[in-house]
Amino acid sequence: MMPQSGQRKNVIDKEWTFVLGAQDPEMREIERVLDDDGRPWLHAATGRRRCTAQTAYEANGVVRVGPDNIPRAMVLPPKAPAVFVECGLVGWQPVLRVDHHHPGDPGYTAAPEDYLRGSSLGQVLTLLEREPTPTQRLLAASDHCLTAAYQGECPGVDPDELLILRASWKALVSGRTVSDVVDGILDAAKRVRKHHDSELGESRFMDPTEMPLDLAEGAAYAGMPVRYRALLPEGILKEMVKGGTPEHVEAFMAEHRDAGRPVYGNPYRGYAGAYWPGRSAPGTPHRGGPIPR
């Protein structure tokens, strides 16, 4: 994915340090690519621990997590040029951002057919002037627009190969077998189709205790919008929608924003989420009372 003629090309100095956000399959591949290209990189951290998806944009330091999974404190020199990949560091302004989560990010509005420009992995490959491998295409598409990728809307991405890749990763991190994960995804897809409400335009699974194990993945495989809830360890109830059209996702975000709940999401990528008040819900007072179904 080389820059087209006339397109502005960023020049990446070999000394620039990449600061990486939370761990996932795409970020692991970005680490591997940077190593292969001889580029320095660190992990964004909060309290000397590698950031999570929840803390990635509120990091206050950097660490390097090795193969032993032990974070070792590092130093990002003042005024050192840095490229932030799906993270933010308090008090720092990067020379470049690689991201697709927030308005203004380079990949925020990228459509499924333009998933390489949209995904963080694709953006890194472009900065380094490297062509994507077939596996990198699968990783980029699944991270940027999973539902569309499963429906064959991403050039160069085979949905069956994508299923095996995703199931293999889920099996690795969960301890399940690949066949068990595949069966779980296919079963969840059947349940999503069965529960689809044509009037609401989505399938709903609002009881966290009855949510299929592979619900989000199954919904993406089925190519249908799904709304569901999960109870977080901090006592916060998180409500999410995935696989929706931009209009569908914007309506979800407006509904929760109008109710005073913290909301995040990207209508162009088909997902959003909101936090119901709990013991430590960010920015939202606990109003009490039952949570409507």
Protein backbone atom coordinates (compact mmCIF):
# COMPACT_ATOMS: atom_id res chain seq x y z
CA MET A 1 0.00 0.00 0.00
CA MET A 2 2.41 2.65 -1.21
CA PRO A 3 1.34 6.33 -1.30
CA GLN A 4 -0.31 7.30 -4.57
CA SER A 5 1.20 9.88 -6.85
CA GLY A 6 0.64 13.39 -5.49
CA GLN A 7 -0.33 12.10 -2.04
CA ARG A 8 1.50 13.64 0.93
CA LYS A 9 4.03 11.19 2.34
CA ASN A 10 5.32 11.39 5.91
CA VAL A 11 9.04 10.85 6.33
CA ILE A 12 9.74 8.67 9.37
CA ASP A 13 13.16 9.16 10.92
CA LYS A 14 14.85 6.00 12.19
CA GLU A 15 15.23 7.60 15.62
CA TRP A 16 11.52 8.29 16.12
CA THR A 17 10.03 6.13 18.86
CA PHE A 18 6.68 4.39 18.44
CA VAL A 19 4.55 4.32 21.61
CA LEU A 20 2.03 1.50 21.45
CA GLY A 21 -1.39 1.15 23.07
CA ALA A 22 -3.24 -1.88 24.44
CA GLN A 23 -2.42 -5.42 23.40
CA ASP A 24 -4.49 -7.17 20.74
CA PRO A 25 -3.66 -9.21 17.60
CA GLU A 26 -3.15 -6.09 15.49
CA MET A 27 -0.82 -4.46 18.03
CA ARG A 28 1.23 -7.64 18.33
CA GLU A 29 1.77 -7.56 14.59
CA ILE A 30 2.70 -3.87 14.72
CA GLU A 31 5.38 -4.74 17.30
CA ARG A 32 6.71 -7.48 15.02
CA VAL A 33 6.80 -5.15 12.00
CA LEU A 34 8.63 -2.45 13.95
CA ASP A 35 11.19 -4.98 15.16
CA ASP A 36 11.67 -6.27 11.64
CA ASP A 37 12.22 -2.71 10.40
CA GLY A 38 14.61 -1.84 13.22
CA ARG A 39 12.35 0.84 14.73
CA PRO A 40 12.37 1.65 18.47
CA TRP A 41 9.08 1.16 20.32
CA LEU A 42 7.69 1.26 23.86
CA HIS A 43 4.37 0.48 25.52
CA ALA A 44 2.17 3.24 26.93
CA ALA A 45 1.70 2.71 30.66
CA THR A 46 -0.35 3.84 33.63
CA GLY A 47 1.26 3.43 37.03
CA ARG A 48 4.18 1.53 35.45
CA ARG A 49 1.83 -1.10 34.07
CA ARG A 50 1.08 -1.48 30.39
CA CYS A 51 -2.11 0.32 29.48
CA THR A 52 -5.38 -1.44 28.74
CA ALA A 53 -8.00 -0.41 26.20
CA GLN A 54 -9.66 1.60 29.01
CA THR A 55 -6.49 3.49 30.03
CA ALA A 56 -4.63 3.79 26.72
CA TYR A 57 -5.43 7.47 26.22
CA GLU A 58 -4.61 8.45 29.82
CA ALA A 59 -1.12 6.96 30.02
CA ASN A 60 1.43 8.71 32.25
CA GLY A 61 4.57 6.79 31.36
CA VAL A 62 6.15 4.11 29.21
CA VAL A 63 7.34 0.56 29.82
CA ARG A 64 8.73 -2.28 27.77
CA VAL A 65 6.98 -5.62 28.25
CA GLY A 66 9.19 -8.53 27.29
CA PRO A 67 8.45 -12.18 26.47
CA ASP A 68 8.15 -12.85 30.21
CA ASN A 69 5.22 -10.37 30.36
CA ILE A 70 7.01 -8.30 33.02
CA PRO A 71 6.75 -4.52 32.43
CA ARG A 72 10.06 -2.70 32.82
CA ALA A 73 10.01 1.05 33.35
CA MET A 74 11.50 3.06 30.49
CA VAL A 75 12.08 6.74 29.74
CA LEU A 76 10.85 8.70 26.75
CA PRO A 77 13.30 11.64 26.61
CA PRO A 78 11.72 15.11 26.73
CA LYS A 79 11.03 16.50 23.26
CA ALA A 80 11.96 13.17 21.68
CA PRO A 81 9.96 12.65 18.45
CA ALA A 82 7.32 10.00 19.04
CA VAL A 83 4.57 8.31 17.05
CA PHE A 84 1.55 7.40 19.20
CA VAL A 85 -0.29 4.25 18.10
CA GLU A 86 -3.79 4.02 19.62
CA CYS A 87 -2.76 5.78 22.83
CA GLY A 88 -2.12 9.12 24.49
CA LEU A 89 0.55 10.22 26.94
CA VAL A 90 -0.23 13.02 29.40
CA GLY A 91 1.91 16.07 28.68
CA TRP A 92 3.18 14.81 25.33
CA GLN A 93 2.40 15.83 21.77
CA PRO A 94 3.44 13.22 19.21
CA VAL A 95 4.86 14.11 15.82
CA LEU A 96 2.34 11.67 14.32
CA ARG A 97 -0.73 9.74 15.45
CA VAL A 98 -1.68 6.31 14.14
CA ASP A 99 -5.30 5.60 15.06
CA HIS A 100 -8.90 5.19 13.95
CA HIS A 101 -10.93 5.53 17.15
CA HIS A 102 -11.66 9.25 17.46
CA PRO A 103 -12.80 12.08 15.16
CA GLY A 104 -9.75 13.50 13.42
CA ASP A 105 -7.77 10.26 13.53
CA PRO A 106 -6.24 9.33 10.16
CA GLY A 107 -8.44 6.23 9.78
CA TYR A 108 -11.61 7.38 11.54
CA THR A 109 -13.82 7.73 8.45
CA ALA A 110 -12.23 5.02 6.26
CA ALA A 111 -14.78 2.72 4.61
CA PRO A 112 -14.41 -1.10 4.63
CA GLU A 113 -12.98 -1.17 1.13
CA ASP A 114 -10.28 1.23 2.36
CA TYR A 115 -9.48 -0.77 5.49
CA LEU A 116 -5.71 -0.57 5.05
CA ARG A 117 -5.83 3.21 5.30
CA GLY A 118 -8.27 2.90 8.16
CA SER A 119 -6.51 0.35 10.34
CA SER A 120 -3.56 1.21 12.55
CA LEU A 121 -1.56 -1.69 11.14
CA GLY A 122 -2.18 -0.46 7.60
CA GLN A 123 -1.12 3.06 8.58
CA VAL A 124 2.13 1.77 10.11
CA LEU A 125 2.88 -0.28 6.99
CA THR A 126 2.34 2.81 4.85
CA LEU A 127 4.63 4.93 7.03
CA LEU A 128 7.33 2.29 6.66
CA GLU A 129 6.63 1.87 2.94
CA ARG A 130 5.89 -1.85 3.30
CA GLU A 131 3.35 -3.90 1.38
CA PRO A 132 0.86 -5.90 3.48
CA THR A 133 1.06 -9.68 3.59
CA PRO A 134 -2.14 -11.77 3.32
CA THR A 135 -2.15 -12.27 7.10
CA GLN A 136 -1.66 -8.56 7.70
CA ARG A 137 -4.66 -7.85 5.49
CA LEU A 138 -6.75 -10.19 7.64
CA LEU A 139 -5.56 -8.50 10.83
CA ALA A 140 -6.12 -4.99 9.48
CA ALA A 141 -9.61 -5.69 8.17
CA SER A 142 -10.76 -7.53 11.30
CA ASP A 143 -9.59 -4.70 13.54
CA HIS A 144 -11.03 -1.87 11.45
CA CYS A 145 -14.34 -3.33 10.24
CA LEU A 146 -14.92 -6.91 11.41
CA THR A 147 -18.54 -7.24 10.31
CA ALA A 148 -17.81 -5.95 6.82
CA ALA A 149 -14.76 -8.20 6.56
CA TYR A 150 -16.84 -11.27 7.38
CA GLN A 151 -19.31 -10.23 4.65
CA GLY A 152 -16.58 -10.09 1.99
CA GLU A 153 -16.53 -6.29 1.69
CA CYS A 154 -12.75 -5.93 2.19
CA PRO A 155 -10.62 -6.57 -0.93
CA GLY A 156 -8.05 -9.30 -0.44
CA VAL A 157 -9.72 -10.73 2.67
CA ASP A 158 -11.25 -14.22 2.65
CA PRO A 159 -14.01 -14.59 5.29
CA ASP A 160 -13.23 -18.27 5.93
CA GLU A 161 -9.55 -17.54 6.51
CA LEU A 162 -10.60 -14.67 8.76
CA LEU A 163 -12.74 -17.00 10.88
CA ILE A 164 -9.83 -19.39 11.45
CA LEU A 165 -7.45 -16.54 12.29
CA ARG A 166 -9.86 -15.00 14.79
CA ALA A 167 -10.75 -18.36 16.35
CA SER A 168 -7.06 -19.24 16.72
CA TRP A 169 -6.37 -16.00 18.62
CA LYS A 170 -9.40 -16.45 20.87
CA ALA A 171 -8.33 -20.03 21.59
CA LEU A 172 -4.81 -18.88 22.47
CA VAL A 173 -5.93 -16.28 25.01
CA SER A 174 -8.82 -18.30 26.49
CA GLY A 175 -7.36 -21.80 26.68
CA ARG A 176 -10.17 -23.22 24.55
CA THR A 177 -9.61 -25.34 21.45
CA VAL A 178 -9.92 -23.74 18.02
CA SER A 179 -12.80 -26.06 17.11
CA ASP A 180 -14.65 -25.09 20.30
CA VAL A 181 -14.28 -21.40 19.48
CA VAL A 182 -15.44 -21.91 15.87
CA ASP A 183 -18.49 -23.84 17.12
CA GLY A 184 -19.20 -21.06 19.60
CA ILE A 185 -19.04 -18.38 16.92
CA LEU A 186 -21.32 -20.30 14.57
CA ASP A 187 -23.80 -21.01 17.38
CA ALA A 188 -23.81 -17.34 18.39
CA ALA A 189 -24.45 -16.36 14.77
CA LYS A 190 -27.52 -18.63 14.70
CA ARG A 191 -28.84 -17.09 17.91
CA VAL A 192 -28.30 -13.56 16.59
CA ARG A 193 -30.31 -14.38 13.45
CA LYS A 194 -33.05 -15.99 15.56
CA HIS A 195 -33.35 -12.96 17.89
CA HIS A 196 -33.26 -10.31 15.17
CA ASP A 197 -36.06 -7.76 15.60
CA SER A 198 -36.90 -6.17 12.25
CA GLU A 199 -38.61 -3.20 13.91
CA LEU A 200 -35.61 -2.38 16.11
CA GLY A 201 -33.18 -3.29 13.35
CA GLU A 202 -31.01 -5.33 15.72
CA SER A 203 -30.78 -8.40 17.93
CA ARG A 204 -30.83 -7.68 21.65
CA PHE A 205 -29.19 -9.58 24.49
CA MET A 206 -29.77 -7.33 27.47
CA ASP A 207 -29.21 -9.80 30.31
CA PRO A 208 -25.43 -10.14 30.90
CA THR A 209 -25.94 -13.50 32.58
CA GLU A 210 -27.51 -15.02 29.46
CA MET A 211 -25.15 -13.67 26.82
CA PRO A 212 -23.65 -16.27 24.45
CA LEU A 213 -19.90 -16.63 24.97
CA ASP A 214 -18.97 -15.59 21.42
CA LEU A 215 -21.85 -13.18 20.84
CA ALA A 216 -19.98 -10.20 19.34
CA GLU A 217 -17.97 -12.41 16.99
CA GLY A 218 -21.05 -14.40 16.01
CA ALA A 219 -22.98 -11.22 15.22
CA ALA A 220 -20.16 -10.01 12.99
CA TYR A 221 -20.09 -13.38 11.23
CA ALA A 222 -23.86 -13.21 10.74
CA GLY A 223 -23.56 -9.64 9.45
CA MET A 224 -26.32 -8.36 11.72
CA PRO A 225 -26.38 -5.52 14.29
CA VAL A 226 -26.44 -6.64 17.90
CA ARG A 227 -27.01 -4.76 21.15
CA TYR A 228 -25.87 -6.36 24.38
CA ARG A 229 -24.72 -5.68 27.93
CA ALA A 230 -21.77 -6.83 30.00
CA LEU A 231 -21.14 -6.42 33.73
CA LEU A 232 -17.60 -5.16 34.34
CA PRO A 233 -15.58 -6.15 37.43
CA GLU A 234 -15.84 -2.60 38.83
CA GLY A 235 -19.62 -3.00 39.14
CA ILE A 236 -20.32 -0.96 35.99
CA LEU A 237 -22.80 -2.11 33.38
CA LYS A 238 -21.59 -1.54 29.84
CA GLU A 239 -24.05 -1.50 26.95
CA MET A 240 -22.74 -1.95 23.42
CA VAL A 241 -23.91 -2.04 19.83
CA LYS A 242 -21.86 -3.57 17.03
CA GLY A 243 -22.33 -4.13 13.32
CA GLY A 244 -24.72 -1.22 12.78
CA THR A 245 -24.95 1.34 10.02
CA PRO A 246 -23.64 4.84 10.79
CA GLU A 247 -27.22 6.03 11.38
CA HIS A 248 -27.95 3.09 13.69
CA VAL A 249 -24.82 3.70 15.77
CA GLU A 250 -25.40 7.47 15.92
CA ALA A 251 -28.93 6.86 17.24
CA PHE A 252 -27.54 4.56 19.96
CA MET A 253 -24.94 7.15 20.97
CA ALA A 254 -27.50 9.96 21.05
CA GLU A 255 -29.86 7.88 23.20
CA HIS A 256 -27.25 7.33 25.90
CA ARG A 257 -25.68 10.76 25.62
CA ASP A 258 -29.08 12.37 26.16
CA ALA A 259 -29.47 10.23 29.29
CA GLY A 260 -26.17 11.61 30.65
CA ARG A 261 -24.09 8.47 30.25
CA PRO A 262 -20.46 8.35 29.08
CA VAL A 263 -20.44 7.23 25.45
CA TYR A 264 -17.76 6.19 22.98
CA GLY A 265 -17.88 4.82 19.45
CA ASN A 266 -17.27 5.26 15.74
CA PRO A 267 -20.35 5.26 13.51
CA TYR A 268 -18.17 4.73 10.44
CA ARG A 269 -16.84 1.48 11.91
CA GLY A 270 -20.21 0.32 13.20
CA TYR A 271 -19.69 0.20 16.96
CA ALA A 272 -20.45 2.17 20.12
CA GLY A 273 -20.75 1.67 23.85
CA ALA A 274 -22.09 3.41 26.94
CA TYR A 275 -21.49 3.04 30.67
CA TRP A 276 -24.37 2.78 33.13
CA PRO A 277 -23.71 4.29 36.55
CA GLY A 278 -21.87 2.04 38.97
CA ARG A 279 -19.37 2.28 41.78
CA SER A 280 -16.79 4.01 39.61
CA ALA A 281 -18.36 4.87 36.26
CA PRO A 282 -16.22 7.66 34.78
CA GLY A 283 -17.88 11.06 34.81
CA THR A 284 -21.36 9.86 35.75
CA PRO A 285 -23.06 10.19 39.14
CA HIS A 286 -24.90 7.12 40.39
CA ARG A 287 -28.58 7.96 40.05
CA GLY A 288 -29.74 4.66 41.52
CA GLY A 289 -32.92 2.85 40.60
CA PRO A 290 -33.46 -0.17 38.38
CA ILE A 291 -31.81 -0.43 34.98
CA PRO A 292 -34.55 -0.69 32.30
CA ARG A 293 -34.54 -3.68 29.98
